[in-house]
């Protein structure tokens, strides 16, 4: 009976891992919410590259576990690492930008219930899309909305707009691949099964 239970567990968890593919860049979400809020094609994705772009696995991607503290970018391998750093440093320095779209804690933290919510890729990108669309509704021009996503200072606006337009052009020319990529779970799955088997055989022997 225990052997049968063990076989069932292996099948169940195997299927769980197959369908659990954690997203390791922000592209799927920026494309999703760009379309939902009628933002010009690939624009939100281009902004995400300016905000949180980094080279990972030989690809240039927008990275969800990114924090910018006082102008210094920090890239983390996991959500937990980024959250821990954010919690430790927020009281010391509130000028921190968070996640795929680098949402400013200084100006936008009050719109989120927790640190976990603002760094969550889905919430982060959705909020950025709504904010960008609101800027467009107010200023009636996409160039102005893009610029003001970053700053209202003329020099900063111009520099930022140029960076976004450069990435936007490269994406449209397919120089940057914006297909979402996923974390390979094979190693974790093997380790998980090893622990499960070990625990089950210990129970059988006892």
N, C-alpha and C. Protein backbone atom coordinates (compact mmCIF):
# COMPACT_ATOMS: atom_id res chain seq x y z
N UNK A 1 0.83 -1.21 0.00
CA UNK A 1 0.00 0.00 0.00
C UNK A 1 0.87 1.26 0.00
N UNK A 2 1.93 1.25 0.80
CA UNK A 2 2.81 2.42 0.85
C UNK A 2 3.51 2.64 -0.48
N UNK A 3 3.87 1.51 -1.16
CA UNK A 3 4.51 1.63 -2.47
C UNK A 3 3.55 2.30 -3.46
N UNK A 4 2.26 1.91 -3.39
CA UNK A 4 1.26 2.51 -4.27
C UNK A 4 1.11 4.00 -3.99
N UNK A 5 1.11 4.36 -2.70
CA UNK A 5 1.01 5.76 -2.33
C UNK A 5 2.20 6.56 -2.85
N UNK A 6 3.36 5.92 -2.76
CA UNK A 6 4.58 6.57 -3.25
C UNK A 6 4.49 6.82 -4.76
N UNK A 7 4.00 5.82 -5.49
CA UNK A 7 3.86 5.96 -6.94
C UNK A 7 2.89 7.08 -7.29
N UNK A 8 1.79 7.15 -6.51
CA UNK A 8 0.80 8.21 -6.73
C UNK A 8 1.42 9.58 -6.50
N UNK A 9 2.18 9.71 -5.42
CA UNK A 9 2.83 10.98 -5.10
C UNK A 9 3.78 11.40 -6.23
N UNK A 10 4.55 10.43 -6.73
CA UNK A 10 5.49 10.76 -7.81
C UNK A 10 4.75 11.25 -9.04
N UNK A 11 3.64 10.62 -9.39
CA UNK A 11 2.87 11.03 -10.56
C UNK A 11 2.27 12.40 -10.35
N UNK A 12 1.71 12.65 -9.15
CA UNK A 12 1.07 13.92 -8.85
C UNK A 12 2.05 15.08 -8.91
N UNK A 13 3.17 14.91 -8.24
CA UNK A 13 4.14 16.00 -8.19
C UNK A 13 4.84 16.19 -9.54
N UNK A 14 4.97 15.10 -10.29
CA UNK A 14 5.55 15.22 -11.62
C UNK A 14 4.69 16.12 -12.49
N UNK A 15 3.38 15.89 -12.46
CA UNK A 15 2.46 16.72 -13.22
C UNK A 15 2.46 18.16 -12.74
N UNK A 16 2.58 18.35 -11.43
CA UNK A 16 2.61 19.70 -10.87
C UNK A 16 3.79 20.48 -11.40
N UNK A 17 4.94 19.82 -11.50
CA UNK A 17 6.13 20.50 -11.98
C UNK A 17 6.03 20.81 -13.47
N UNK A 18 5.40 19.89 -14.21
CA UNK A 18 5.27 20.09 -15.65
C UNK A 18 4.51 21.38 -15.93
N UNK A 19 3.43 21.62 -15.14
CA UNK A 19 2.58 22.77 -15.40
C UNK A 19 2.99 23.99 -14.60
N UNK A 20 4.04 23.90 -13.81
CA UNK A 20 4.52 25.04 -13.04
C UNK A 20 5.79 25.58 -13.66
N UNK A 21 5.66 26.66 -14.44
CA UNK A 21 6.81 27.22 -15.13
C UNK A 21 6.94 28.69 -14.75
N UNK A 22 7.70 28.99 -13.70
CA UNK A 22 7.80 30.37 -13.26
C UNK A 22 8.41 31.27 -14.33
N UNK A 23 7.76 32.38 -14.55
CA UNK A 23 8.23 33.34 -15.52
C UNK A 23 9.52 33.98 -15.04
N UNK A 24 10.53 34.10 -15.91
CA UNK A 24 11.77 34.74 -15.48
C UNK A 24 12.08 36.00 -16.29
N UNK A 25 11.10 36.52 -17.02
CA UNK A 25 11.20 37.89 -17.50
C UNK A 25 9.80 38.49 -17.56
N UNK A 26 9.72 39.75 -17.88
CA UNK A 26 8.46 40.48 -17.76
C UNK A 26 7.70 40.60 -19.07
N UNK A 27 8.23 40.02 -20.15
CA UNK A 27 7.70 40.29 -21.48
C UNK A 27 6.25 39.86 -21.68
N UNK A 28 5.89 38.69 -21.16
CA UNK A 28 4.52 38.23 -21.35
C UNK A 28 3.54 39.22 -20.74
N UNK A 29 3.89 39.76 -19.58
CA UNK A 29 3.01 40.68 -18.88
C UNK A 29 2.96 42.06 -19.54
N UNK A 30 4.11 42.55 -20.00
CA UNK A 30 4.09 43.86 -20.65
C UNK A 30 3.30 43.81 -21.96
N UNK A 31 3.39 42.69 -22.66
CA UNK A 31 2.59 42.54 -23.88
C UNK A 31 1.10 42.42 -23.55
N UNK A 32 0.80 41.67 -22.51
CA UNK A 32 -0.59 41.47 -22.10
C UNK A 32 -1.26 42.79 -21.71
N UNK A 33 -0.61 43.55 -20.84
CA UNK A 33 -1.24 44.79 -20.35
C UNK A 33 -1.07 45.95 -21.33
N UNK A 34 -0.08 45.88 -22.19
CA UNK A 34 0.01 46.87 -23.26
C UNK A 34 -1.22 46.79 -24.16
N UNK A 35 -1.61 45.58 -24.48
CA UNK A 35 -2.80 45.38 -25.32
C UNK A 35 -4.08 45.74 -24.56
N UNK A 36 -4.15 45.32 -23.30
CA UNK A 36 -5.37 45.55 -22.51
C UNK A 36 -5.68 47.04 -22.37
N UNK A 37 -4.64 47.87 -22.22
CA UNK A 37 -4.86 49.30 -22.01
C UNK A 37 -4.61 50.11 -23.28
N UNK A 38 -4.63 49.44 -24.43
CA UNK A 38 -4.53 50.10 -25.74
C UNK A 38 -3.31 51.01 -25.84
N UNK A 39 -2.18 50.52 -25.35
CA UNK A 39 -0.90 51.21 -25.47
C UNK A 39 -0.27 50.77 -26.79
N UNK A 40 0.37 51.68 -27.51
CA UNK A 40 0.98 51.29 -28.81
C UNK A 40 1.82 50.02 -28.71
N UNK A 41 1.73 49.22 -29.76
CA UNK A 41 2.36 47.90 -29.78
C UNK A 41 3.83 47.95 -29.40
N UNK A 42 4.18 47.13 -28.42
CA UNK A 42 5.55 46.94 -27.94
C UNK A 42 6.10 48.12 -27.12
N UNK A 43 5.31 49.17 -26.91
CA UNK A 43 5.82 50.32 -26.17
C UNK A 43 6.06 50.00 -24.70
N UNK A 44 5.12 49.34 -24.05
CA UNK A 44 5.29 49.03 -22.63
C UNK A 44 6.49 48.09 -22.43
N UNK A 45 6.66 47.17 -23.35
CA UNK A 45 7.82 46.27 -23.29
C UNK A 45 9.12 47.05 -23.45
N UNK A 46 9.13 48.03 -24.33
CA UNK A 46 10.33 48.86 -24.53
C UNK A 46 10.67 49.64 -23.27
N UNK A 47 9.66 50.15 -22.60
CA UNK A 47 9.88 50.87 -21.34
C UNK A 47 10.44 49.93 -20.28
N UNK A 48 9.94 48.72 -20.25
CA UNK A 48 10.43 47.76 -19.25
C UNK A 48 11.91 47.45 -19.45
N UNK A 49 12.37 47.45 -20.69
CA UNK A 49 13.79 47.19 -20.96
C UNK A 49 14.67 48.34 -20.46
N UNK A 50 14.17 49.56 -20.61
CA UNK A 50 14.89 50.71 -20.06
C UNK A 50 14.94 50.62 -18.54
N UNK A 51 13.82 50.21 -17.96
CA UNK A 51 13.69 50.22 -16.51
C UNK A 51 14.42 49.07 -15.82
N UNK A 52 14.32 47.87 -16.36
CA UNK A 52 14.86 46.71 -15.63
C UNK A 52 15.63 45.75 -16.54
N UNK A 53 16.15 46.27 -17.65
CA UNK A 53 16.83 45.42 -18.61
C UNK A 53 18.16 44.88 -18.10
N UNK A 54 18.39 43.59 -18.37
CA UNK A 54 19.65 42.93 -17.99
C UNK A 54 19.85 41.72 -18.90
N UNK A 55 21.10 41.34 -19.12
CA UNK A 55 21.38 40.16 -19.94
C UNK A 55 21.32 38.92 -19.07
N UNK A 56 20.44 38.00 -19.43
CA UNK A 56 20.28 36.73 -18.72
C UNK A 56 20.23 35.60 -19.73
N UNK A 57 21.02 34.57 -19.50
CA UNK A 57 21.03 33.40 -20.38
C UNK A 57 21.18 33.82 -21.84
N UNK A 58 22.12 34.74 -22.09
CA UNK A 58 22.44 35.25 -23.43
C UNK A 58 21.28 35.97 -24.10
N UNK A 59 20.33 36.45 -23.29
CA UNK A 59 19.22 37.24 -23.83
C UNK A 59 19.10 38.52 -23.01
N UNK A 60 18.72 39.60 -23.69
CA UNK A 60 18.47 40.86 -22.99
C UNK A 60 16.99 40.88 -22.61
N UNK A 61 16.71 40.90 -21.31
CA UNK A 61 15.34 40.79 -20.82
C UNK A 61 15.06 41.86 -19.78
N UNK A 62 13.78 42.12 -19.56
CA UNK A 62 13.38 42.94 -18.41
C UNK A 62 13.19 41.99 -17.23
N UNK A 63 13.83 42.31 -16.11
CA UNK A 63 13.97 41.38 -14.99
C UNK A 63 13.07 41.78 -13.82
N UNK A 64 12.19 40.88 -13.37
CA UNK A 64 11.22 41.24 -12.32
C UNK A 64 11.82 41.52 -10.95
N UNK A 65 12.97 40.92 -10.64
CA UNK A 65 13.54 41.07 -9.29
C UNK A 65 14.64 42.14 -9.30
N UNK A 66 14.26 43.32 -9.76
CA UNK A 66 15.18 44.46 -9.87
C UNK A 66 14.76 45.57 -8.92
N UNK A 67 15.74 46.11 -8.20
CA UNK A 67 15.52 47.28 -7.36
C UNK A 67 16.56 48.33 -7.71
N UNK A 68 16.13 49.58 -7.71
CA UNK A 68 17.07 50.68 -7.90
C UNK A 68 17.02 51.54 -6.64
N UNK A 69 18.15 51.61 -5.96
CA UNK A 69 18.22 52.34 -4.69
C UNK A 69 19.11 53.57 -4.88
N UNK A 70 18.48 54.73 -4.89
CA UNK A 70 19.23 55.96 -5.04
C UNK A 70 20.05 56.02 -6.30
N UNK A 71 19.53 55.43 -7.39
CA UNK A 71 20.24 55.46 -8.67
C UNK A 71 21.13 54.27 -8.92
N UNK A 72 21.25 53.37 -7.96
CA UNK A 72 22.09 52.18 -8.13
C UNK A 72 21.22 50.93 -8.31
N UNK A 73 21.40 50.25 -9.45
CA UNK A 73 20.57 49.08 -9.75
C UNK A 73 21.07 47.84 -9.03
N UNK A 74 20.11 47.06 -8.51
CA UNK A 74 20.41 45.78 -7.86
C UNK A 74 19.53 44.72 -8.51
N UNK A 75 20.16 43.66 -9.02
CA UNK A 75 19.43 42.56 -9.65
C UNK A 75 19.56 41.32 -8.77
N UNK A 76 18.41 40.70 -8.46
CA UNK A 76 18.39 39.54 -7.58
C UNK A 76 17.90 38.31 -8.34
N UNK A 77 18.27 37.14 -7.84
CA UNK A 77 17.90 35.90 -8.51
C UNK A 77 16.49 35.42 -8.17
N UNK A 78 15.91 35.96 -7.09
CA UNK A 78 14.58 35.49 -6.68
C UNK A 78 13.78 36.62 -6.06
N UNK A 79 12.49 36.39 -6.00
CA UNK A 79 11.59 37.36 -5.37
C UNK A 79 11.92 37.53 -3.89
N UNK A 80 12.19 36.43 -3.21
CA UNK A 80 12.48 36.50 -1.78
C UNK A 80 13.71 37.34 -1.48
N UNK A 81 14.76 37.19 -2.31
CA UNK A 81 15.96 37.99 -2.11
C UNK A 81 15.69 39.47 -2.31
N UNK A 82 14.92 39.78 -3.35
CA UNK A 82 14.59 41.18 -3.62
C UNK A 82 13.73 41.77 -2.52
N UNK A 83 12.75 40.99 -2.05
CA UNK A 83 11.87 41.45 -0.97
C UNK A 83 12.64 41.72 0.31
N UNK A 84 13.54 40.82 0.65
CA UNK A 84 14.34 40.97 1.87
C UNK A 84 15.17 42.26 1.81
N UNK A 85 15.78 42.51 0.66
CA UNK A 85 16.58 43.72 0.49
C UNK A 85 15.70 44.97 0.58
N UNK A 86 14.53 44.91 -0.05
CA UNK A 86 13.60 46.04 -0.03
C UNK A 86 13.15 46.37 1.39
N UNK A 87 12.79 45.35 2.15
CA UNK A 87 12.33 45.58 3.52
C UNK A 87 13.43 46.17 4.42
N UNK A 88 14.65 45.70 4.21
CA UNK A 88 15.76 46.18 5.03
C UNK A 88 16.14 47.62 4.71
N UNK A 89 15.94 48.02 3.46
CA UNK A 89 16.46 49.32 3.03
C UNK A 89 15.40 50.41 2.89
N UNK A 90 14.12 50.05 2.92
CA UNK A 90 13.08 51.04 2.66
C UNK A 90 13.07 52.18 3.69
N UNK A 91 13.19 51.85 4.95
CA UNK A 91 13.16 52.88 5.99
C UNK A 91 14.40 53.78 5.94
N UNK A 92 15.51 53.20 5.49
CA UNK A 92 16.74 53.99 5.40
C UNK A 92 16.68 54.97 4.22
N UNK A 93 16.12 54.48 3.11
CA UNK A 93 16.11 55.30 1.90
C UNK A 93 14.88 54.96 1.07
N UNK A 94 13.89 55.85 1.09
CA UNK A 94 12.63 55.56 0.42
C UNK A 94 12.67 55.78 -1.08
N UNK A 95 13.77 56.31 -1.59
CA UNK A 95 13.91 56.51 -3.03
C UNK A 95 14.33 55.20 -3.69
N UNK A 96 13.38 54.25 -3.75
CA UNK A 96 13.63 52.93 -4.31
C UNK A 96 12.61 52.64 -5.40
N UNK A 97 13.10 52.19 -6.56
CA UNK A 97 12.23 51.78 -7.65
C UNK A 97 12.19 50.26 -7.71
N UNK A 98 11.01 49.72 -8.03
CA UNK A 98 10.78 48.29 -7.81
C UNK A 98 10.24 47.57 -9.05
N UNK A 99 10.83 46.41 -9.32
CA UNK A 99 10.23 45.44 -10.24
C UNK A 99 10.42 45.69 -11.73
N UNK A 100 9.62 44.97 -12.53
CA UNK A 100 9.69 45.03 -13.99
C UNK A 100 9.68 46.46 -14.51
N UNK A 101 8.78 47.26 -13.96
CA UNK A 101 8.57 48.61 -14.46
C UNK A 101 9.15 49.68 -13.55
N UNK A 102 9.91 49.25 -12.53
CA UNK A 102 10.59 50.18 -11.63
C UNK A 102 9.63 51.23 -11.06
N UNK A 103 8.59 50.74 -10.40
CA UNK A 103 7.62 51.61 -9.75
C UNK A 103 8.29 52.31 -8.56
N UNK A 104 8.15 53.62 -8.49
CA UNK A 104 8.78 54.40 -7.43
C UNK A 104 8.04 54.24 -6.10
N UNK A 105 8.76 53.75 -5.08
CA UNK A 105 8.17 53.65 -3.75
C UNK A 105 7.85 55.04 -3.19
N UNK A 106 8.66 56.00 -3.55
CA UNK A 106 8.49 57.36 -3.03
C UNK A 106 7.16 57.97 -3.46
N UNK A 107 6.76 57.73 -4.70
CA UNK A 107 5.57 58.37 -5.24
C UNK A 107 4.36 57.44 -5.36
N UNK A 108 4.58 56.13 -5.35
CA UNK A 108 3.47 55.22 -5.64
C UNK A 108 3.20 54.16 -4.58
N UNK A 109 4.04 54.07 -3.56
CA UNK A 109 3.88 52.99 -2.56
C UNK A 109 2.52 53.02 -1.90
N UNK A 110 1.93 54.20 -1.75
CA UNK A 110 0.63 54.31 -1.07
C UNK A 110 -0.50 53.65 -1.85
N UNK A 111 -0.25 53.32 -3.12
CA UNK A 111 -1.27 52.66 -3.93
C UNK A 111 -1.21 51.14 -3.84
N UNK A 112 -0.30 50.63 -3.04
CA UNK A 112 -0.15 49.18 -2.86
C UNK A 112 -0.32 48.82 -1.39
N UNK A 113 -0.80 47.62 -1.14
CA UNK A 113 -1.07 47.17 0.23
C UNK A 113 0.19 46.69 0.94
N UNK A 114 1.20 46.25 0.17
CA UNK A 114 2.37 45.66 0.80
C UNK A 114 3.56 45.69 -0.16
N UNK A 115 4.75 45.40 0.38
CA UNK A 115 5.94 45.25 -0.45
C UNK A 115 5.76 44.10 -1.44
N UNK A 116 5.15 43.03 -0.97
CA UNK A 116 4.93 41.86 -1.81
C UNK A 116 4.06 42.19 -3.02
N UNK A 117 3.08 43.05 -2.81
CA UNK A 117 2.17 43.40 -3.91
C UNK A 117 2.87 44.26 -4.96
N UNK A 118 3.68 45.22 -4.53
CA UNK A 118 4.30 46.13 -5.50
C UNK A 118 5.38 45.42 -6.32
N UNK A 119 6.04 44.41 -5.75
CA UNK A 119 7.10 43.71 -6.49
C UNK A 119 6.55 42.56 -7.32
N UNK A 120 5.33 42.13 -7.04
CA UNK A 120 4.72 41.06 -7.82
C UNK A 120 4.64 41.48 -9.29
N UNK A 121 5.20 40.71 -10.23
CA UNK A 121 5.26 41.14 -11.63
C UNK A 121 3.91 41.53 -12.23
N UNK A 122 2.87 40.74 -11.94
CA UNK A 122 1.55 41.04 -12.50
C UNK A 122 1.04 42.39 -12.03
N UNK A 123 1.08 42.62 -10.71
CA UNK A 123 0.62 43.90 -10.16
C UNK A 123 1.50 45.05 -10.63
N UNK A 124 2.79 44.82 -10.67
CA UNK A 124 3.75 45.85 -11.04
C UNK A 124 3.50 46.34 -12.48
N UNK A 125 3.38 45.40 -13.40
CA UNK A 125 3.19 45.77 -14.81
C UNK A 125 1.81 46.37 -15.05
N UNK A 126 0.80 45.81 -14.42
CA UNK A 126 -0.56 46.33 -14.59
C UNK A 126 -0.65 47.77 -14.11
N UNK A 127 -0.05 48.05 -12.97
CA UNK A 127 -0.07 49.41 -12.43
C UNK A 127 0.65 50.37 -13.39
N UNK A 128 1.78 49.95 -13.91
CA UNK A 128 2.56 50.79 -14.82
C UNK A 128 1.77 51.10 -16.09
N UNK A 129 1.07 50.09 -16.61
CA UNK A 129 0.27 50.29 -17.82
C UNK A 129 -0.84 51.31 -17.57
N UNK A 130 -1.51 51.19 -16.44
CA UNK A 130 -2.58 52.14 -16.10
C UNK A 130 -2.02 53.55 -15.91
N UNK A 131 -0.85 53.64 -15.29
CA UNK A 131 -0.23 54.94 -15.04
C UNK A 131 0.18 55.60 -16.36
N UNK A 132 0.78 54.81 -17.26
CA UNK A 132 1.19 55.35 -18.56
C UNK A 132 -0.02 55.82 -19.36
N UNK A 133 -1.10 55.04 -19.33
CA UNK A 133 -2.32 55.44 -20.06
C UNK A 133 -2.92 56.71 -19.45
N UNK A 134 -2.83 56.85 -18.15
CA UNK A 134 -3.33 58.06 -17.50
C UNK A 134 -2.51 59.28 -17.92
N UNK A 135 -1.20 59.10 -18.05
CA UNK A 135 -0.34 60.20 -18.51
C UNK A 135 -0.70 60.59 -19.94
N UNK A 136 -1.00 59.59 -20.77
CA UNK A 136 -1.40 59.89 -22.15
C UNK A 136 -2.73 60.63 -22.18
N UNK A 137 -3.67 60.20 -21.37
CA UNK A 137 -4.98 60.86 -21.33
C UNK A 137 -4.85 62.32 -20.90
N UNK A 138 -3.90 62.58 -20.04
CA UNK A 138 -3.69 63.94 -19.55
C UNK A 138 -2.95 64.81 -20.57
N UNK A 139 -1.90 64.27 -21.19
CA UNK A 139 -1.03 65.09 -22.04
C UNK A 139 -1.30 64.93 -23.54
N UNK A 140 -2.09 63.94 -23.92
CA UNK A 140 -2.58 63.76 -25.30
C UNK A 140 -1.51 63.36 -26.31
N UNK A 141 -0.30 63.14 -25.86
CA UNK A 141 0.78 62.72 -26.77
C UNK A 141 1.56 61.60 -26.13
N UNK A 142 1.87 60.55 -26.91
CA UNK A 142 2.59 59.42 -26.36
C UNK A 142 4.02 59.78 -25.98
N UNK A 143 4.67 60.63 -26.77
CA UNK A 143 6.03 61.03 -26.43
C UNK A 143 6.08 61.73 -25.07
N UNK A 144 5.08 62.53 -24.80
CA UNK A 144 5.04 63.22 -23.51
C UNK A 144 4.74 62.24 -22.38
N UNK A 145 3.85 61.30 -22.65
CA UNK A 145 3.51 60.29 -21.63
C UNK A 145 4.73 59.43 -21.30
N UNK A 146 5.46 59.01 -22.35
CA UNK A 146 6.67 58.21 -22.14
C UNK A 146 7.68 58.97 -21.30
N UNK A 147 7.92 60.21 -21.67
CA UNK A 147 8.91 61.04 -20.96
C UNK A 147 8.55 61.22 -19.51
N UNK A 148 7.27 61.52 -19.25
CA UNK A 148 6.83 61.80 -17.90
C UNK A 148 6.68 60.54 -17.04
N UNK A 149 6.70 59.37 -17.68
CA UNK A 149 6.75 58.14 -16.90
C UNK A 149 8.00 58.13 -16.03
N UNK A 150 9.05 58.76 -16.55
CA UNK A 150 10.34 58.80 -15.85
C UNK A 150 10.52 60.07 -15.02
N UNK A 151 10.22 61.22 -15.61
CA UNK A 151 10.52 62.48 -14.94
C UNK A 151 9.77 63.63 -15.61
N UNK A 152 9.65 64.75 -14.90
CA UNK A 152 9.06 65.95 -15.49
C UNK A 152 10.14 66.99 -15.83
N UNK A 153 11.40 66.66 -15.56
CA UNK A 153 12.51 67.57 -15.87
C UNK A 153 12.88 67.45 -17.35
N UNK A 154 12.95 68.59 -18.07
CA UNK A 154 13.15 68.55 -19.53
C UNK A 154 14.34 67.71 -20.00
N UNK A 155 15.50 67.86 -19.38
CA UNK A 155 16.67 67.11 -19.83
C UNK A 155 16.52 65.61 -19.61
N UNK A 156 15.99 65.24 -18.44
CA UNK A 156 15.77 63.82 -18.14
C UNK A 156 14.71 63.24 -19.06
N UNK A 157 13.68 64.02 -19.34
CA UNK A 157 12.61 63.56 -20.22
C UNK A 157 13.16 63.22 -21.61
N UNK A 158 13.96 64.10 -22.16
CA UNK A 158 14.50 63.91 -23.50
C UNK A 158 15.39 62.67 -23.58
N UNK A 159 16.28 62.52 -22.60
CA UNK A 159 17.19 61.38 -22.57
C UNK A 159 16.42 60.07 -22.44
N UNK A 160 15.42 60.06 -21.58
CA UNK A 160 14.63 58.86 -21.36
C UNK A 160 13.85 58.48 -22.61
N UNK A 161 13.24 59.46 -23.24
CA UNK A 161 12.46 59.21 -24.46
C UNK A 161 13.34 58.61 -25.54
N UNK A 162 14.55 59.09 -25.69
CA UNK A 162 15.47 58.54 -26.68
C UNK A 162 15.80 57.08 -26.39
N UNK A 163 16.02 56.76 -25.13
CA UNK A 163 16.35 55.37 -24.76
C UNK A 163 15.18 54.44 -25.08
N UNK A 164 13.98 54.87 -24.72
CA UNK A 164 12.79 54.05 -25.00
C UNK A 164 12.61 53.86 -26.50
N UNK A 165 12.75 54.94 -27.26
CA UNK A 165 12.58 54.84 -28.71
C UNK A 165 13.63 53.94 -29.35
N UNK A 166 14.84 53.93 -28.82
CA UNK A 166 15.88 53.04 -29.35
C UNK A 166 15.50 51.58 -29.17
N UNK A 167 15.03 51.22 -27.97
CA UNK A 167 14.61 49.84 -27.72
C UNK A 167 13.37 49.49 -28.54
N UNK A 168 12.46 50.44 -28.65
CA UNK A 168 11.23 50.23 -29.41
C UNK A 168 11.57 49.91 -30.86
N UNK A 169 12.52 50.64 -31.42
CA UNK A 169 12.95 50.40 -32.79
C UNK A 169 13.62 49.03 -32.93
N UNK A 170 14.45 48.67 -31.97
CA UNK A 170 15.15 47.38 -32.04
C UNK A 170 14.18 46.20 -31.91
N UNK A 171 13.17 46.35 -31.10
CA UNK A 171 12.16 45.29 -30.96
C UNK A 171 11.40 45.12 -32.27
N UNK A 172 11.01 46.22 -32.88
CA UNK A 172 10.25 46.15 -34.13
C UNK A 172 11.10 45.60 -35.27
N UNK A 173 12.41 45.82 -35.20
CA UNK A 173 13.32 45.24 -36.19
C UNK A 173 13.75 43.82 -35.81
N UNK A 174 13.22 43.33 -34.71
CA UNK A 174 13.49 41.98 -34.20
C UNK A 174 14.96 41.77 -33.83
N UNK A 175 15.60 42.85 -33.43
CA UNK A 175 16.97 42.73 -32.92
C UNK A 175 16.95 42.27 -31.47
N UNK A 176 15.81 42.44 -30.82
CA UNK A 176 15.61 41.95 -29.46
C UNK A 176 14.45 40.98 -29.47
N UNK A 177 14.68 39.78 -28.95
CA UNK A 177 13.64 38.75 -28.89
C UNK A 177 12.84 38.94 -27.61
N UNK A 178 11.54 39.21 -27.76
CA UNK A 178 10.73 39.47 -26.56
C UNK A 178 9.81 38.31 -26.19
N UNK A 179 10.15 37.11 -26.64
CA UNK A 179 9.39 35.95 -26.21
C UNK A 179 9.63 35.70 -24.73
N UNK A 180 8.58 35.42 -23.95
CA UNK A 180 8.79 35.13 -22.53
C UNK A 180 9.58 33.85 -22.34
N UNK A 181 10.47 33.83 -21.36
CA UNK A 181 11.23 32.62 -21.05
C UNK A 181 10.87 32.15 -19.66
N UNK A 182 11.12 30.86 -19.42
CA UNK A 182 10.71 30.26 -18.16
C UNK A 182 11.88 29.56 -17.49
N UNK A 183 11.80 29.49 -16.16
CA UNK A 183 12.83 28.82 -15.38
C UNK A 183 12.76 27.32 -15.59
N UNK A 184 13.88 26.72 -15.91
CA UNK A 184 13.94 25.27 -16.08
C UNK A 184 13.84 24.60 -14.71
N UNK A 185 12.81 23.76 -14.53
CA UNK A 185 12.54 23.16 -13.22
C UNK A 185 13.13 21.76 -13.08
N UNK A 186 13.88 21.27 -14.07
CA UNK A 186 14.34 19.89 -14.04
C UNK A 186 15.17 19.58 -12.80
N UNK A 187 16.13 20.47 -12.51
CA UNK A 187 17.01 20.23 -11.36
C UNK A 187 16.22 20.22 -10.06
N UNK A 188 15.29 21.17 -9.93
CA UNK A 188 14.47 21.22 -8.71
C UNK A 188 13.59 19.98 -8.60
N UNK A 189 13.07 19.52 -9.74
CA UNK A 189 12.19 18.35 -9.73
C UNK A 189 12.94 17.11 -9.27
N UNK A 190 14.16 16.92 -9.76
CA UNK A 190 14.97 15.77 -9.37
C UNK A 190 15.25 15.80 -7.87
N UNK A 191 15.61 16.98 -7.39
CA UNK A 191 15.91 17.12 -5.96
C UNK A 191 14.67 16.86 -5.12
N UNK A 192 13.53 17.32 -5.58
CA UNK A 192 12.28 17.11 -4.87
C UNK A 192 11.95 15.62 -4.76
N UNK A 193 12.04 14.92 -5.90
CA UNK A 193 11.75 13.49 -5.89
C UNK A 193 12.73 12.73 -4.99
N UNK A 194 13.98 13.16 -4.98
CA UNK A 194 14.98 12.50 -4.14
C UNK A 194 14.58 12.60 -2.67
N UNK A 195 14.14 13.77 -2.26
CA UNK A 195 13.72 13.95 -0.86
C UNK A 195 12.47 13.14 -0.55
N UNK A 196 11.51 13.13 -1.51
CA UNK A 196 10.27 12.38 -1.30
C UNK A 196 10.53 10.88 -1.17
N UNK A 197 11.37 10.37 -2.06
CA UNK A 197 11.70 8.94 -2.02
C UNK A 197 12.40 8.57 -0.73
N UNK A 198 13.33 9.41 -0.32
CA UNK A 198 14.07 9.16 0.90
C UNK A 198 13.14 9.10 2.10
N UNK A 199 12.23 10.07 2.18
CA UNK A 199 11.28 10.12 3.31
C UNK A 199 10.35 8.91 3.30
N UNK A 200 9.87 8.52 2.11
CA UNK A 200 8.93 7.41 2.01
C UNK A 200 9.60 6.09 2.39
N UNK A 201 10.83 5.86 1.94
CA UNK A 201 11.53 4.62 2.27
C UNK A 201 11.86 4.54 3.75
N UNK A 202 12.11 5.67 4.36
CA UNK A 202 12.35 5.68 5.81
C UNK A 202 11.09 5.23 6.55
N UNK A 203 9.93 5.67 6.05
CA UNK A 203 8.67 5.28 6.69
C UNK A 203 8.40 3.79 6.51
N UNK A 204 8.76 3.30 5.31
CA UNK A 204 8.54 1.87 5.04
C UNK A 204 9.39 1.00 5.94
N UNK A 205 10.65 1.41 6.11
CA UNK A 205 11.57 0.63 6.94
C UNK A 205 11.20 0.67 8.42
N UNK A 206 10.56 1.75 8.84
CA UNK A 206 10.24 1.91 10.28
C UNK A 206 8.91 1.29 10.64
